[in-house]
Protein backbone atom coordinates (compact mmCIF):
# COMPACT_ATOMS: atom_id res chain seq x y z
CA MET A 1 64.12 75.74 -59.43
CA SER A 2 62.26 72.61 -58.48
CA LEU A 3 63.74 70.41 -55.82
CA ASN A 4 62.90 66.77 -56.12
CA LYS A 5 64.13 64.08 -53.72
CA ASN A 6 67.29 63.28 -55.68
CA LYS A 7 68.38 66.91 -55.94
CA ILE A 8 67.84 67.41 -52.21
CA PHE A 9 69.97 64.34 -51.44
CA ARG A 10 72.66 65.57 -53.84
CA VAL A 11 72.81 69.08 -52.35
CA THR A 12 72.75 67.75 -48.79
CA ALA A 13 75.56 65.29 -49.53
CA LEU A 14 77.64 68.10 -51.04
CA ILE A 15 77.08 70.36 -48.02
CA LEU A 16 77.98 67.55 -45.61
CA PHE A 17 81.12 66.77 -47.63
CA LEU A 18 82.17 70.43 -47.50
CA LEU A 19 81.51 70.63 -43.76
CA GLY A 20 83.53 67.45 -43.16
CA THR A 21 86.42 68.84 -45.19
CA ALA A 22 86.24 72.12 -43.29
CA LEU A 23 86.34 70.30 -39.95
CA ILE A 24 89.35 68.23 -40.93
CA LEU A 25 91.24 71.24 -42.27
CA LEU A 26 90.34 73.31 -39.23
CA GLY A 27 91.75 70.63 -36.97
CA LEU A 28 94.93 70.30 -39.01
CA MET A 29 95.60 74.01 -39.55
CA LYS A 30 94.33 75.86 -36.49
CA TYR A 31 93.71 73.51 -33.56
CA ARG A 32 96.60 71.03 -33.73
CA GLU A 33 96.03 69.68 -30.20
CA TYR A 34 92.44 68.70 -31.10
CA ALA A 35 93.19 67.41 -34.61
CA ILE A 36 92.12 63.84 -33.80
CA GLY A 37 88.66 64.90 -32.62
CA PHE A 38 88.13 67.23 -35.55
CA SER A 39 89.26 64.50 -37.96
CA VAL A 40 86.92 61.91 -36.45
CA ALA A 41 84.01 64.34 -36.69
CA GLY A 42 84.94 65.17 -40.29
CA ILE A 43 85.07 61.49 -41.22
CA GLY A 44 81.63 61.10 -39.63
CA PHE A 45 80.35 63.85 -41.90
CA TYR A 46 81.91 62.00 -44.87
CA ALA A 47 80.09 58.81 -43.83
CA VAL A 48 76.72 60.55 -43.62
CA ALA A 49 77.33 62.26 -46.98
CA TRP A 50 78.19 58.87 -48.50
CA ALA A 51 74.99 57.36 -47.09
CA PHE A 52 72.90 60.22 -48.54
CA ASN A 53 74.64 59.77 -51.88
CA ALA A 54 73.87 56.03 -51.78
CA LEU A 55 70.19 56.74 -51.02
CA LYS A 56 69.86 58.91 -54.12
CA GLY A 57 67.30 57.29 -56.41
CA ARG A 58 66.22 54.64 -53.90
CA VAL A 59 63.93 56.65 -51.62
């Protein structure tokens, strides 16, 4: 399996998206009193994943 730049960006964006989703769900399901902080961190992960996805093919 060869990893070129685009595949690395794609896998990294997917991992960041999954981590962001996990943070948001963890805040909503388990730690209700800290849901805002978990949600903000999850949205930050979404933003970084979006930026990596936008960089695909340009770097």
